[in-house]
Amino acid sequence: ALSDRIAIMNGGDVVQVGSPLALYERPATDFVA
């Protein structure tokens, strides 16, 4: 709801960065999805 971009973190790593729509529609990993 808030973000221009989101950086998703897991285990100390940034695993994907993008707009909310891009991350929701095209996740890079099944964790992000």
mmCIF file of all heavy atoms, coordinates in Angstrom:
data_MODEL
# 
_entry.id   MODEL 
# 
loop_
_atom_site.group_PDB 
_atom_site.id 
_atom_site.type_symbol 
_atom_site.label_atom_id 
_atom_site.label_alt_id 
_atom_site.label_comp_id 
_atom_site.label_asym_id 
_atom_site.label_entity_id 
_atom_site.label_seq_id 
_atom_site.pdbx_PDB_ins_code 
_atom_site.Cartn_x 
_atom_site.Cartn_y 
_atom_site.Cartn_z 
_atom_site.occupancy 
_atom_site.B_iso_or_equiv 
_atom_site.pdbx_formal_charge 
_atom_site.auth_seq_id 
_atom_site.auth_comp_id 
_atom_site.auth_asym_id 
_atom_site.auth_atom_id 
_atom_site.pdbx_PDB_model_num 
ATOM 1   N N   . ALA A 1 1  ? 0.808  -1.217  0.000   1.00 0.00 ? 1  ALA A N   1 
ATOM 2   C CA  . ALA A 1 1  ? 0.000  0.000   0.000   1.00 0.00 ? 1  ALA A CA  1 
ATOM 3   C C   . ALA A 1 1  ? 0.844  1.270   0.000   1.00 0.00 ? 1  ALA A C   1 
ATOM 4   O O   . ALA A 1 1  ? 0.440  2.284   -0.587  1.00 0.00 ? 1  ALA A O   1 
ATOM 5   C CB  . ALA A 1 1  ? -0.931 0.003   1.219   1.00 0.00 ? 1  ALA A CB  1 
ATOM 6   N N   . LEU A 1 2  ? 2.012  1.244   0.628   1.00 0.00 ? 2  LEU A N   1 
ATOM 7   C CA  . LEU A 1 2  ? 2.776  2.467   0.866   1.00 0.00 ? 2  LEU A CA  1 
ATOM 8   C C   . LEU A 1 2  ? 3.889  2.736   -0.141  1.00 0.00 ? 2  LEU A C   1 
ATOM 9   O O   . LEU A 1 2  ? 4.215  3.880   -0.409  1.00 0.00 ? 2  LEU A O   1 
ATOM 10  C CB  . LEU A 1 2  ? 3.405  2.418   2.262   1.00 0.00 ? 2  LEU A CB  1 
ATOM 11  C CG  . LEU A 1 2  ? 2.473  2.558   3.458   1.00 0.00 ? 2  LEU A CG  1 
ATOM 12  C CD1 . LEU A 1 2  ? 3.236  2.313   4.754   1.00 0.00 ? 2  LEU A CD1 1 
ATOM 13  C CD2 . LEU A 1 2  ? 1.831  3.936   3.477   1.00 0.00 ? 2  LEU A CD2 1 
ATOM 14  N N   . SER A 1 3  ? 4.479  1.703   -0.695  1.00 0.00 ? 3  SER A N   1 
ATOM 15  C CA  . SER A 1 3  ? 5.817  1.826   -1.275  1.00 0.00 ? 3  SER A CA  1 
ATOM 16  C C   . SER A 1 3  ? 5.842  2.234   -2.747  1.00 0.00 ? 3  SER A C   1 
ATOM 17  O O   . SER A 1 3  ? 4.991  1.813   -3.533  1.00 0.00 ? 3  SER A O   1 
ATOM 18  C CB  . SER A 1 3  ? 6.551  0.486   -1.139  1.00 0.00 ? 3  SER A CB  1 
ATOM 19  O OG  . SER A 1 3  ? 6.452  -0.030  0.166   1.00 0.00 ? 3  SER A OG  1 
ATOM 20  N N   . ASP A 1 4  ? 6.866  3.012   -3.097  1.00 0.00 ? 4  ASP A N   1 
ATOM 21  C CA  . ASP A 1 4  ? 7.245  3.166   -4.497  1.00 0.00 ? 4  ASP A CA  1 
ATOM 22  C C   . ASP A 1 4  ? 8.024  1.934   -4.944  1.00 0.00 ? 4  ASP A C   1 
ATOM 23  O O   . ASP A 1 4  ? 7.824  1.423   -6.038  1.00 0.00 ? 4  ASP A O   1 
ATOM 24  C CB  . ASP A 1 4  ? 8.112  4.415   -4.696  1.00 0.00 ? 4  ASP A CB  1 
ATOM 25  C CG  . ASP A 1 4  ? 7.363  5.691   -4.378  1.00 0.00 ? 4  ASP A CG  1 
ATOM 26  O OD1 . ASP A 1 4  ? 6.173  5.784   -4.729  1.00 0.00 ? 4  ASP A OD1 1 
ATOM 27  O OD2 . ASP A 1 4  ? 7.960  6.592   -3.760  1.00 0.00 ? 4  ASP A OD2 1 
ATOM 28  N N   . ARG A 1 5  ? 8.932  1.490   -4.084  1.00 0.00 ? 5  ARG A N   1 
ATOM 29  C CA  . ARG A 1 5  ? 9.664  0.243   -4.321  1.00 0.00 ? 5  ARG A CA  1 
ATOM 30  C C   . ARG A 1 5  ? 9.778  -0.528  -3.013  1.00 0.00 ? 5  ARG A C   1 
ATOM 31  O O   . ARG A 1 5  ? 9.752  0.059   -1.931  1.00 0.00 ? 5  ARG A O   1 
ATOM 32  C CB  . ARG A 1 5  ? 11.066 0.508   -4.866  1.00 0.00 ? 5  ARG A CB  1 
ATOM 33  C CG  . ARG A 1 5  ? 11.110 0.987   -6.310  1.00 0.00 ? 5  ARG A CG  1 
ATOM 34  C CD  . ARG A 1 5  ? 12.529 1.015   -6.861  1.00 0.00 ? 5  ARG A CD  1 
ATOM 35  N NE  . ARG A 1 5  ? 13.397 1.858   -6.039  1.00 0.00 ? 5  ARG A NE  1 
ATOM 36  C CZ  . ARG A 1 5  ? 14.653 1.533   -5.706  1.00 0.00 ? 5  ARG A CZ  1 
ATOM 37  N NH1 . ARG A 1 5  ? 15.178 0.392   -6.087  1.00 0.00 ? 5  ARG A NH1 1 
ATOM 38  N NH2 . ARG A 1 5  ? 15.367 2.364   -4.976  1.00 0.00 ? 5  ARG A NH2 1 
ATOM 39  N N   . ILE A 1 6  ? 9.925  -1.846  -3.137  1.00 0.00 ? 6  ILE A N   1 
ATOM 40  C CA  . ILE A 1 6  ? 10.086 -2.729  -1.988  1.00 0.00 ? 6  ILE A CA  1 
ATOM 41  C C   . ILE A 1 6  ? 11.378 -3.511  -2.167  1.00 0.00 ? 6  ILE A C   1 
ATOM 42  O O   . ILE A 1 6  ? 11.647 -4.034  -3.255  1.00 0.00 ? 6  ILE A O   1 
ATOM 43  C CB  . ILE A 1 6  ? 8.907  -3.702  -1.859  1.00 0.00 ? 6  ILE A CB  1 
ATOM 44  C CG1 . ILE A 1 6  ? 7.583  -2.944  -1.683  1.00 0.00 ? 6  ILE A CG1 1 
ATOM 45  C CG2 . ILE A 1 6  ? 9.121  -4.668  -0.693  1.00 0.00 ? 6  ILE A CG2 1 
ATOM 46  C CD1 . ILE A 1 6  ? 6.354  -3.843  -1.769  1.00 0.00 ? 6  ILE A CD1 1 
ATOM 47  N N   . ALA A 1 7  ? 12.175 -3.587  -1.091  1.00 0.00 ? 7  ALA A N   1 
ATOM 48  C CA  . ALA A 1 7  ? 13.344 -4.467  -1.060  1.00 0.00 ? 7  ALA A CA  1 
ATOM 49  C C   . ALA A 1 7  ? 13.016 -5.622  -0.121  1.00 0.00 ? 7  ALA A C   1 
ATOM 50  O O   . ALA A 1 7  ? 12.849 -5.413  1.081   1.00 0.00 ? 7  ALA A O   1 
ATOM 51  C CB  . ALA A 1 7  ? 14.580 -3.712  -0.579  1.00 0.00 ? 7  ALA A CB  1 
ATOM 52  N N   . ILE A 1 8  ? 12.895 -6.815  -0.675  1.00 0.00 ? 8  ILE A N   1 
ATOM 53  C CA  . ILE A 1 8  ? 12.555 -7.980  0.136   1.00 0.00 ? 8  ILE A CA  1 
ATOM 54  C C   . ILE A 1 8  ? 13.830 -8.608  0.659   1.00 0.00 ? 8  ILE A C   1 
ATOM 55  O O   . ILE A 1 8  ? 14.758 -8.905  -0.103  1.00 0.00 ? 8  ILE A O   1 
ATOM 56  C CB  . ILE A 1 8  ? 11.733 -8.988  -0.675  1.00 0.00 ? 8  ILE A CB  1 
ATOM 57  C CG1 . ILE A 1 8  ? 10.395 -8.355  -1.070  1.00 0.00 ? 8  ILE A CG1 1 
ATOM 58  C CG2 . ILE A 1 8  ? 11.500 -10.268 0.119   1.00 0.00 ? 8  ILE A CG2 1 
ATOM 59  C CD1 . ILE A 1 8  ? 9.451  -9.277  -1.784  1.00 0.00 ? 8  ILE A CD1 1 
ATOM 60  N N   . MET A 1 9  ? 13.874 -8.812  1.996   1.00 0.00 ? 9  MET A N   1 
ATOM 61  C CA  . MET A 1 9  ? 15.059 -9.350  2.648   1.00 0.00 ? 9  MET A CA  1 
ATOM 62  C C   . MET A 1 9  ? 14.752 -10.717 3.250   1.00 0.00 ? 9  MET A C   1 
ATOM 63  O O   . MET A 1 9  ? 13.639 -10.988 3.702   1.00 0.00 ? 9  MET A O   1 
ATOM 64  C CB  . MET A 1 9  ? 15.563 -8.401  3.744   1.00 0.00 ? 9  MET A CB  1 
ATOM 65  C CG  . MET A 1 9  ? 15.976 -7.038  3.247   1.00 0.00 ? 9  MET A CG  1 
ATOM 66  S SD  . MET A 1 9  ? 16.847 -6.046  4.510   1.00 0.00 ? 9  MET A SD  1 
ATOM 67  C CE  . MET A 1 9  ? 18.406 -6.965  4.643   1.00 0.00 ? 9  MET A CE  1 
ATOM 68  N N   . ASN A 1 10 ? 15.779 -11.566 3.243   1.00 0.00 ? 10 ASN A N   1 
ATOM 69  C CA  . ASN A 1 10 ? 15.674 -12.878 3.867   1.00 0.00 ? 10 ASN A CA  1 
ATOM 70  C C   . ASN A 1 10 ? 17.064 -13.343 4.253   1.00 0.00 ? 10 ASN A C   1 
ATOM 71  O O   . ASN A 1 10 ? 17.976 -13.331 3.420   1.00 0.00 ? 10 ASN A O   1 
ATOM 72  C CB  . ASN A 1 10 ? 15.033 -13.883 2.908   1.00 0.00 ? 10 ASN A CB  1 
ATOM 73  C CG  . ASN A 1 10 ? 14.720 -15.204 3.576   1.00 0.00 ? 10 ASN A CG  1 
ATOM 74  O OD1 . ASN A 1 10 ? 14.346 -15.244 4.749   1.00 0.00 ? 10 ASN A OD1 1 
ATOM 75  N ND2 . ASN A 1 10 ? 14.863 -16.295 2.843   1.00 0.00 ? 10 ASN A ND2 1 
ATOM 76  N N   . GLY A 1 11 ? 17.243 -13.705 5.511   1.00 0.00 ? 11 GLY A N   1 
ATOM 77  C CA  . GLY A 1 11 ? 18.533 -14.198 5.970   1.00 0.00 ? 11 GLY A CA  1 
ATOM 78  C C   . GLY A 1 11 ? 19.672 -13.217 5.803   1.00 0.00 ? 11 GLY A C   1 
ATOM 79  O O   . GLY A 1 11 ? 20.822 -13.612 5.568   1.00 0.00 ? 11 GLY A O   1 
ATOM 80  N N   . GLY A 1 12 ? 19.377 -11.912 5.918   1.00 0.00 ? 12 GLY A N   1 
ATOM 81  C CA  . GLY A 1 12 ? 20.415 -10.890 5.788   1.00 0.00 ? 12 GLY A CA  1 
ATOM 82  C C   . GLY A 1 12 ? 20.670 -10.428 4.369   1.00 0.00 ? 12 GLY A C   1 
ATOM 83  O O   . GLY A 1 12 ? 21.442 -9.491  4.150   1.00 0.00 ? 12 GLY A O   1 
ATOM 84  N N   . ASP A 1 13 ? 20.035 -11.055 3.390   1.00 0.00 ? 13 ASP A N   1 
ATOM 85  C CA  . ASP A 1 13 ? 20.228 -10.708 1.979   1.00 0.00 ? 13 ASP A CA  1 
ATOM 86  C C   . ASP A 1 13 ? 19.025 -9.941  1.444   1.00 0.00 ? 13 ASP A C   1 
ATOM 87  O O   . ASP A 1 13 ? 17.887 -10.193 1.853   1.00 0.00 ? 13 ASP A O   1 
ATOM 88  C CB  . ASP A 1 13 ? 20.412 -11.961 1.123   1.00 0.00 ? 13 ASP A CB  1 
ATOM 89  C CG  . ASP A 1 13 ? 21.634 -12.769 1.508   1.00 0.00 ? 13 ASP A CG  1 
ATOM 90  O OD1 . ASP A 1 13 ? 22.693 -12.155 1.689   1.00 0.00 ? 13 ASP A OD1 1 
ATOM 91  O OD2 . ASP A 1 13 ? 21.519 -14.007 1.626   1.00 0.00 ? 13 ASP A OD2 1 
ATOM 92  N N   . VAL A 1 14 ? 19.278 -9.048  0.490   1.00 0.00 ? 14 VAL A N   1 
ATOM 93  C CA  . VAL A 1 14 ? 18.207 -8.465  -0.310  1.00 0.00 ? 14 VAL A CA  1 
ATOM 94  C C   . VAL A 1 14 ? 18.006 -9.391  -1.503  1.00 0.00 ? 14 VAL A C   1 
ATOM 95  O O   . VAL A 1 14 ? 18.888 -9.536  -2.347  1.00 0.00 ? 14 VAL A O   1 
ATOM 96  C CB  . VAL A 1 14 ? 18.548 -7.040  -0.774  1.00 0.00 ? 14 VAL A CB  1 
ATOM 97  C CG1 . VAL A 1 14 ? 17.520 -6.554  -1.796  1.00 0.00 ? 14 VAL A CG1 1 
ATOM 98  C CG2 . VAL A 1 14 ? 18.576 -6.082  0.409   1.00 0.00 ? 14 VAL A CG2 1 
ATOM 99  N N   . VAL A 1 15 ? 16.848 -10.049 -1.566  1.00 0.00 ? 15 VAL A N   1 
ATOM 100 C CA  . VAL A 1 15 ? 16.641 -11.068 -2.588  1.00 0.00 ? 15 VAL A CA  1 
ATOM 101 C C   . VAL A 1 15 ? 15.971 -10.523 -3.846  1.00 0.00 ? 15 VAL A C   1 
ATOM 102 O O   . VAL A 1 15 ? 16.114 -11.099 -4.929  1.00 0.00 ? 15 VAL A O   1 
ATOM 103 C CB  . VAL A 1 15 ? 15.831 -12.259 -2.031  1.00 0.00 ? 15 VAL A CB  1 
ATOM 104 C CG1 . VAL A 1 15 ? 16.642 -12.992 -0.982  1.00 0.00 ? 15 VAL A CG1 1 
ATOM 105 C CG2 . VAL A 1 15 ? 14.503 -11.816 -1.446  1.00 0.00 ? 15 VAL A CG2 1 
ATOM 106 N N   . GLN A 1 16 ? 15.240 -9.404  -3.733  1.00 0.00 ? 16 GLN A N   1 
ATOM 107 C CA  . GLN A 1 16 ? 14.660 -8.772  -4.910  1.00 0.00 ? 16 GLN A CA  1 
ATOM 108 C C   . GLN A 1 16 ? 14.206 -7.368  -4.558  1.00 0.00 ? 16 GLN A C   1 
ATOM 109 O O   . GLN A 1 16 ? 13.725 -7.122  -3.451  1.00 0.00 ? 16 GLN A O   1 
ATOM 110 C CB  . GLN A 1 16 ? 13.479 -9.585  -5.464  1.00 0.00 ? 16 GLN A CB  1 
ATOM 111 C CG  . GLN A 1 16 ? 13.008 -9.106  -6.839  1.00 0.00 ? 16 GLN A CG  1 
ATOM 112 C CD  . GLN A 1 16 ? 11.909 -9.980  -7.428  1.00 0.00 ? 16 GLN A CD  1 
ATOM 113 O OE1 . GLN A 1 16 ? 11.483 -10.956 -6.823  1.00 0.00 ? 16 GLN A OE1 1 
ATOM 114 N NE2 . GLN A 1 16 ? 11.437 -9.638  -8.621  1.00 0.00 ? 16 GLN A NE2 1 
ATOM 115 N N   . VAL A 1 17 ? 14.374 -6.455  -5.506  1.00 0.00 ? 17 VAL A N   1 
ATOM 116 C CA  . VAL A 1 17 ? 13.936 -5.061  -5.344  1.00 0.00 ? 17 VAL A CA  1 
ATOM 117 C C   . VAL A 1 17 ? 13.097 -4.689  -6.556  1.00 0.00 ? 17 VAL A C   1 
ATOM 118 O O   . VAL A 1 17 ? 13.452 -4.996  -7.694  1.00 0.00 ? 17 VAL A O   1 
ATOM 119 C CB  . VAL A 1 17 ? 15.139 -4.097  -5.235  1.00 0.00 ? 17 VAL A CB  1 
ATOM 120 C CG1 . VAL A 1 17 ? 14.652 -2.666  -5.020  1.00 0.00 ? 17 VAL A CG1 1 
ATOM 121 C CG2 . VAL A 1 17 ? 16.076 -4.516  -4.120  1.00 0.00 ? 17 VAL A CG2 1 
ATOM 122 N N   . GLY A 1 18 ? 11.971 -4.026  -6.311  1.00 0.00 ? 18 GLY A N   1 
ATOM 123 C CA  . GLY A 1 18 ? 11.146 -3.589  -7.427  1.00 0.00 ? 18 GLY A CA  1 
ATOM 124 C C   . GLY A 1 18 ? 9.890  -2.902  -6.943  1.00 0.00 ? 18 GLY A C   1 
ATOM 125 O O   . GLY A 1 18 ? 9.653  -2.774  -5.733  1.00 0.00 ? 18 GLY A O   1 
ATOM 126 N N   . SER A 1 19 ? 9.076  -2.452  -7.887  1.00 0.00 ? 19 SER A N   1 
ATOM 127 C CA  . SER A 1 19 ? 7.793  -1.843  -7.530  1.00 0.00 ? 19 SER A CA  1 
ATOM 128 C C   . SER A 1 19 ? 6.875  -2.920  -6.962  1.00 0.00 ? 19 SER A C   1 
ATOM 129 O O   . SER A 1 19 ? 7.057  -4.116  -7.233  1.00 0.00 ? 19 SER A O   1 
ATOM 130 C CB  . SER A 1 19 ? 7.153  -1.215  -8.760  1.00 0.00 ? 19 SER A CB  1 
ATOM 131 O OG  . SER A 1 19 ? 6.725  -2.233  -9.665  1.00 0.00 ? 19 SER A OG  1 
ATOM 132 N N   . PRO A 1 20 ? 5.874  -2.533  -6.157  1.00 0.00 ? 20 PRO A N   1 
ATOM 133 C CA  . PRO A 1 20 ? 4.934  -3.539  -5.641  1.00 0.00 ? 20 PRO A CA  1 
ATOM 134 C C   . PRO A 1 20 ? 4.319  -4.397  -6.740  1.00 0.00 ? 20 PRO A C   1 
ATOM 135 O O   . PRO A 1 20 ? 4.221  -5.619  -6.604  1.00 0.00 ? 20 PRO A O   1 
ATOM 136 C CB  . PRO A 1 20 ? 3.885  -2.689  -4.917  1.00 0.00 ? 20 PRO A CB  1 
ATOM 137 C CG  . PRO A 1 20 ? 4.628  -1.470  -4.481  1.00 0.00 ? 20 PRO A CG  1 
ATOM 138 C CD  . PRO A 1 20 ? 5.598  -1.195  -5.595  1.00 0.00 ? 20 PRO A CD  1 
ATOM 139 N N   . LEU A 1 21 ? 3.920  -3.770  -7.847  1.00 0.00 ? 21 LEU A N   1 
ATOM 140 C CA  . LEU A 1 21 ? 3.297  -4.519  -8.929  1.00 0.00 ? 21 LEU A CA  1 
ATOM 141 C C   . LEU A 1 21 ? 4.277  -5.501  -9.562  1.00 0.00 ? 21 LEU A C   1 
ATOM 142 O O   . LEU A 1 21 ? 3.936  -6.661  -9.821  1.00 0.00 ? 21 LEU A O   1 
ATOM 143 C CB  . LEU A 1 21 ? 2.755  -3.558  -9.989  1.00 0.00 ? 21 LEU A CB  1 
ATOM 144 C CG  . LEU A 1 21 ? 2.063  -4.203  -11.190 1.00 0.00 ? 21 LEU A CG  1 
ATOM 145 C CD1 . LEU A 1 21 ? 0.851  -5.012  -10.740 1.00 0.00 ? 21 LEU A CD1 1 
ATOM 146 C CD2 . LEU A 1 21 ? 1.650  -3.139  -12.211 1.00 0.00 ? 21 LEU A CD2 1 
ATOM 147 N N   . ALA A 1 22 ? 5.511  -5.060  -9.796  1.00 0.00 ? 22 ALA A N   1 
ATOM 148 C CA  . ALA A 1 22 ? 6.500  -5.930  -10.428 1.00 0.00 ? 22 ALA A CA  1 
ATOM 149 C C   . ALA A 1 22 ? 6.821  -7.137  -9.549  1.00 0.00 ? 22 ALA A C   1 
ATOM 150 O O   . ALA A 1 22 ? 6.939  -8.262  -10.042 1.00 0.00 ? 22 ALA A O   1 
ATOM 151 C CB  . ALA A 1 22 ? 7.768  -5.141  -10.732 1.00 0.00 ? 22 ALA A CB  1 
ATOM 152 N N   . LEU A 1 23 ? 6.974  -6.905  -8.244  1.00 0.00 ? 23 LEU A N   1 
ATOM 153 C CA  . LEU A 1 23 ? 7.288  -8.012  -7.347  1.00 0.00 ? 23 LEU A CA  1 
ATOM 154 C C   . LEU A 1 23 ? 6.121  -8.986  -7.236  1.00 0.00 ? 23 LEU A C   1 
ATOM 155 O O   . LEU A 1 23 ? 6.325  -10.209 -7.161  1.00 0.00 ? 23 LEU A O   1 
ATOM 156 C CB  . LEU A 1 23 ? 7.654  -7.480  -5.956  1.00 0.00 ? 23 LEU A CB  1 
ATOM 157 C CG  . LEU A 1 23 ? 8.922  -6.647  -5.857  1.00 0.00 ? 23 LEU A CG  1 
ATOM 158 C CD1 . LEU A 1 23 ? 9.179  -6.250  -4.410  1.00 0.00 ? 23 LEU A CD1 1 
ATOM 159 C CD2 . LEU A 1 23 ? 10.129 -7.397  -6.393  1.00 0.00 ? 23 LEU A CD2 1 
ATOM 160 N N   . TYR A 1 24 ? 4.911  -8.461  -7.203  1.00 0.00 ? 24 TYR A N   1 
ATOM 161 C CA  . TYR A 1 24 ? 3.737  -9.322  -7.073  1.00 0.00 ? 24 TYR A CA  1 
ATOM 162 C C   . TYR A 1 24 ? 3.520  -10.148 -8.336  1.00 0.00 ? 24 TYR A C   1 
ATOM 163 O O   . TYR A 1 24 ? 3.201  -11.336 -8.266  1.00 0.00 ? 24 TYR A O   1 
ATOM 164 C CB  . TYR A 1 24 ? 2.508  -8.459  -6.791  1.00 0.00 ? 24 TYR A CB  1 
ATOM 165 C CG  . TYR A 1 24 ? 1.293  -9.243  -6.352  1.00 0.00 ? 24 TYR A CG  1 
ATOM 166 C CD1 . TYR A 1 24 ? 1.142  -9.647  -5.031  1.00 0.00 ? 24 TYR A CD1 1 
ATOM 167 C CD2 . TYR A 1 24 ? 0.278  -9.570  -7.261  1.00 0.00 ? 24 TYR A CD2 1 
ATOM 168 C CE1 . TYR A 1 24 ? 0.024  -10.356 -4.613  1.00 0.00 ? 24 TYR A CE1 1 
ATOM 169 C CE2 . TYR A 1 24 ? -0.842 -10.278 -6.858  1.00 0.00 ? 24 TYR A CE2 1 
ATOM 170 C CZ  . TYR A 1 24 ? -0.964 -10.676 -5.536  1.00 0.00 ? 24 TYR A CZ  1 
ATOM 171 O OH  . TYR A 1 24 ? -2.067 -11.388 -5.140  1.00 0.00 ? 24 TYR A OH  1 
ATOM 172 N N   . GLU A 1 25 ? 3.720  -9.515  -9.491  1.00 0.00 ? 25 GLU A N   1 
ATOM 173 C CA  . GLU A 1 25 ? 3.462  -10.195 -10.762 1.00 0.00 ? 25 GLU A CA  1 
ATOM 174 C C   . GLU A 1 25 ? 4.640  -11.045 -11.226 1.00 0.00 ? 25 GLU A C   1 
ATOM 175 O O   . GLU A 1 25 ? 4.438  -12.079 -11.860 1.00 0.00 ? 25 GLU A O   1 
ATOM 176 C CB  . GLU A 1 25 ? 3.122  -9.164  -11.840 1.00 0.00 ? 25 GLU A CB  1 
ATOM 177 C CG  . GLU A 1 25 ? 1.756  -8.528  -11.673 1.00 0.00 ? 25 GLU A CG  1 
ATOM 178 C CD  . GLU A 1 25 ? 0.633  -9.499  -11.962 1.00 0.00 ? 25 GLU A CD  1 
ATOM 179 O OE1 . GLU A 1 25 ? 0.417  -9.821  -13.133 1.00 0.00 ? 25 GLU A OE1 1 
ATOM 180 O OE2 . GLU A 1 25 ? -0.021 -9.954  -10.994 1.00 0.00 ? 25 GLU A OE2 1 
ATOM 181 N N   . ARG A 1 26 ? 5.869  -10.600 -10.944 1.00 0.00 ? 26 ARG A N   1 
ATOM 182 C CA  . ARG A 1 26 ? 7.048  -11.303 -11.445 1.00 0.00 ? 26 ARG A CA  1 
ATOM 183 C C   . ARG A 1 26 ? 8.062  -11.548 -10.329 1.00 0.00 ? 26 ARG A C   1 
ATOM 184 O O   . ARG A 1 26 ? 9.176  -11.019 -10.342 1.00 0.00 ? 26 ARG A O   1 
ATOM 185 C CB  . ARG A 1 26 ? 7.710  -10.501 -12.570 1.00 0.00 ? 26 ARG A CB  1 
ATOM 186 C CG  . ARG A 1 26 ? 6.874  -10.423 -13.843 1.00 0.00 ? 26 ARG A CG  1 
ATOM 187 C CD  . ARG A 1 26 ? 6.855  -11.756 -14.562 1.00 0.00 ? 26 ARG A CD  1 
ATOM 188 N NE  . ARG A 1 26 ? 5.943  -11.746 -15.707 1.00 0.00 ? 26 ARG A NE  1 
ATOM 189 C CZ  . ARG A 1 26 ? 5.719  -12.800 -16.482 1.00 0.00 ? 26 ARG A CZ  1 
ATOM 190 N NH1 . ARG A 1 26 ? 6.353  -13.943 -16.226 1.00 0.00 ? 26 ARG A NH1 1 
ATOM 191 N NH2 . ARG A 1 26 ? 4.868  -12.735 -17.482 1.00 0.00 ? 26 ARG A NH2 1 
ATOM 192 N N   . PRO A 1 27 ? 7.713  -12.357 -9.347  1.00 0.00 ? 27 PRO A N   1 
ATOM 193 C CA  . PRO A 1 27 ? 8.680  -12.654 -8.279  1.00 0.00 ? 27 PRO A CA  1 
ATOM 194 C C   . PRO A 1 27 ? 9.866  -13.423 -8.826  1.00 0.00 ? 27 PRO A C   1 
ATOM 195 O O   . PRO A 1 27 ? 9.723  -14.275 -9.712  1.00 0.00 ? 27 PRO A O   1 
ATOM 196 C CB  . PRO A 1 27 ? 7.857  -13.506 -7.304  1.00 0.00 ? 27 PRO A CB  1 
ATOM 197 C CG  . PRO A 1 27 ? 6.785  -14.118 -8.145  1.00 0.00 ? 27 PRO A CG  1 
ATOM 198 C CD  . PRO A 1 27 ? 6.443  -13.099 -9.195  1.00 0.00 ? 27 PRO A CD  1 
ATOM 199 N N   . ALA A 1 28 ? 11.046 -13.134 -8.289  1.00 0.00 ? 28 ALA A N   1 
ATOM 200 C CA  . ALA A 1 28 ? 12.265 -13.793 -8.772  1.00 0.00 ? 28 ALA A CA  1 
ATOM 201 C C   . ALA A 1 28 ? 12.432 -15.189 -8.192  1.00 0.00 ? 28 ALA A C   1 
ATOM 202 O O   . ALA A 1 28 ? 13.109 -16.028 -8.784  1.00 0.00 ? 28 ALA A O   1 
ATOM 203 C CB  . ALA A 1 28 ? 13.490 -12.936 -8.433  1.00 0.00 ? 28 ALA A CB  1 
ATOM 204 N N   . THR A 1 29 ? 11.855 -15.435 -7.022  1.00 0.00 ? 29 THR A N   1 
ATOM 205 C CA  . THR A 1 29 ? 11.994 -16.731 -6.365  1.00 0.00 ? 29 THR A CA  1 
ATOM 206 C C   . THR A 1 29 ? 10.644 -17.135 -5.774  1.00 0.00 ? 29 THR A C   1 
ATOM 207 O O   . THR A 1 29 ? 9.750  -16.305 -5.600  1.00 0.00 ? 29 THR A O   1 
ATOM 208 C CB  . THR A 1 29 ? 13.030 -16.691 -5.231  1.00 0.00 ? 29 THR A CB  1 
ATOM 209 O OG1 . THR A 1 29 ? 12.538 -15.849 -4.174  1.00 0.00 ? 29 THR A OG1 1 
ATOM 210 C CG2 . THR A 1 29 ? 14.377 -16.173 -5.720  1.00 0.00 ? 29 THR A CG2 1 
ATOM 211 N N   . ASP A 1 30 ? 10.523 -18.412 -5.442  1.00 0.00 ? 30 ASP A N   1 
ATOM 212 C CA  . ASP A 1 30 ? 9.282  -18.851 -4.806  1.00 0.00 ? 30 ASP A CA  1 
ATOM 213 C C   . ASP A 1 30 ? 9.148  -18.272 -3.401  1.00 0.00 ? 30 ASP A C   1 
ATOM 214 O O   . ASP A 1 30 ? 8.033  -18.106 -2.896  1.00 0.00 ? 30 ASP A O   1 
ATOM 215 C CB  . ASP A 1 30 ? 9.185  -20.379 -4.787  1.00 0.00 ? 30 ASP A CB  1 
ATOM 216 C CG  . ASP A 1 30 ? 10.384 -21.051 -4.151  1.00 0.00 ? 30 ASP A CG  1 
ATOM 217 O OD1 . ASP A 1 30 ? 11.422 -20.396 -3.967  1.00 0.00 ? 30 ASP A OD1 1 
ATOM 218 O OD2 . ASP A 1 30 ? 10.299 -22.252 -3.836  1.00 0.00 ? 30 ASP A OD2 1 
ATOM 219 N N   . PHE A 1 31 ? 10.282 -17.920 -2.759  1.00 0.00 ? 31 PHE A N   1 
ATOM 220 C CA  . PHE A 1 31 ? 10.194 -17.246 -1.461  1.00 0.00 ? 31 PHE A CA  1 
ATOM 221 C C   . PHE A 1 31 ? 9.510  -15.894 -1.610  1.00 0.00 ? 31 PHE A C   1 
ATOM 222 O O   . PHE A 1 31 ? 8.609  -15.542 -0.833  1.00 0.00 ? 31 PHE A O   1 
ATOM 223 C CB  . PHE A 1 31 ? 11.577 -17.053 -0.838  1.00 0.00 ? 31 PHE A CB  1 
ATOM 224 C CG  . PHE A 1 31 ? 11.567 -16.123 0.355   1.00 0.00 ? 31 PHE A CG  1 
ATOM 225 C CD1 . PHE A 1 31 ? 11.155 -16.582 1.597   1.00 0.00 ? 31 PHE A CD1 1 
ATOM 226 C CD2 . PHE A 1 31 ? 11.925 -14.788 0.229   1.00 0.00 ? 31 PHE A CD2 1 
ATOM 227 C CE1 . PHE A 1 31 ? 11.092 -15.726 2.690   1.00 0.00 ? 31 PHE A CE1 1 
ATOM 228 C CE2 . PHE A 1 31 ? 11.878 -13.929 1.315   1.00 0.00 ? 31 PHE A CE2 1 
ATOM 229 C CZ  . PHE A 1 31 ? 11.468 -14.404 2.554   1.00 0.00 ? 31 PHE A CZ  1 
ATOM 230 N N   . VAL A 1 32 ? 9.912  -15.110 -2.609  1.00 0.00 ? 32 VAL A N   1 
ATOM 231 C CA  . VAL A 1 32 ? 9.297  -13.802 -2.836  1.00 0.00 ? 32 VAL A CA  1 
ATOM 232 C C   . VAL A 1 32 ? 7.822  -13.972 -3.164  1.00 0.00 ? 32 VAL A C   1 
ATOM 233 O O   . VAL A 1 32 ? 6.968  -13.252 -2.633  1.00 0.00 ? 32 VAL A O   1 
ATOM 234 C CB  . VAL A 1 32 ? 10.017 -13.050 -3.967  1.00 0.00 ? 32 VAL A CB  1 
ATOM 235 C CG1 . VAL A 1 32 ? 9.289  -11.753 -4.313  1.00 0.00 ? 32 VAL A CG1 1 
ATOM 236 C CG2 . VAL A 1 32 ? 11.459 -12.744 -3.565  1.00 0.00 ? 32 VAL A CG2 1 
ATOM 237 N N   . ALA A 1 33 ? 7.502  -14.927 -4.012  1.00 0.00 ? 33 ALA A N   1 
ATOM 238 C CA  . ALA A 1 33 ? 6.109  -15.164 -4.373  1.00 0.00 ? 33 ALA A CA  1 
ATOM 239 C C   . ALA A 1 33 ? 5.270  -15.493 -3.148  1.00 0.00 ? 33 ALA A C   1 
ATOM 240 O O   . ALA A 1 33 ? 4.167  -14.970 -2.969  1.00 0.00 ? 33 ALA A O   1 
ATOM 241 C CB  . ALA A 1 33 ? 6.023  -16.302 -5.389  1.00 0.00 ? 33 ALA A CB  1 
# 
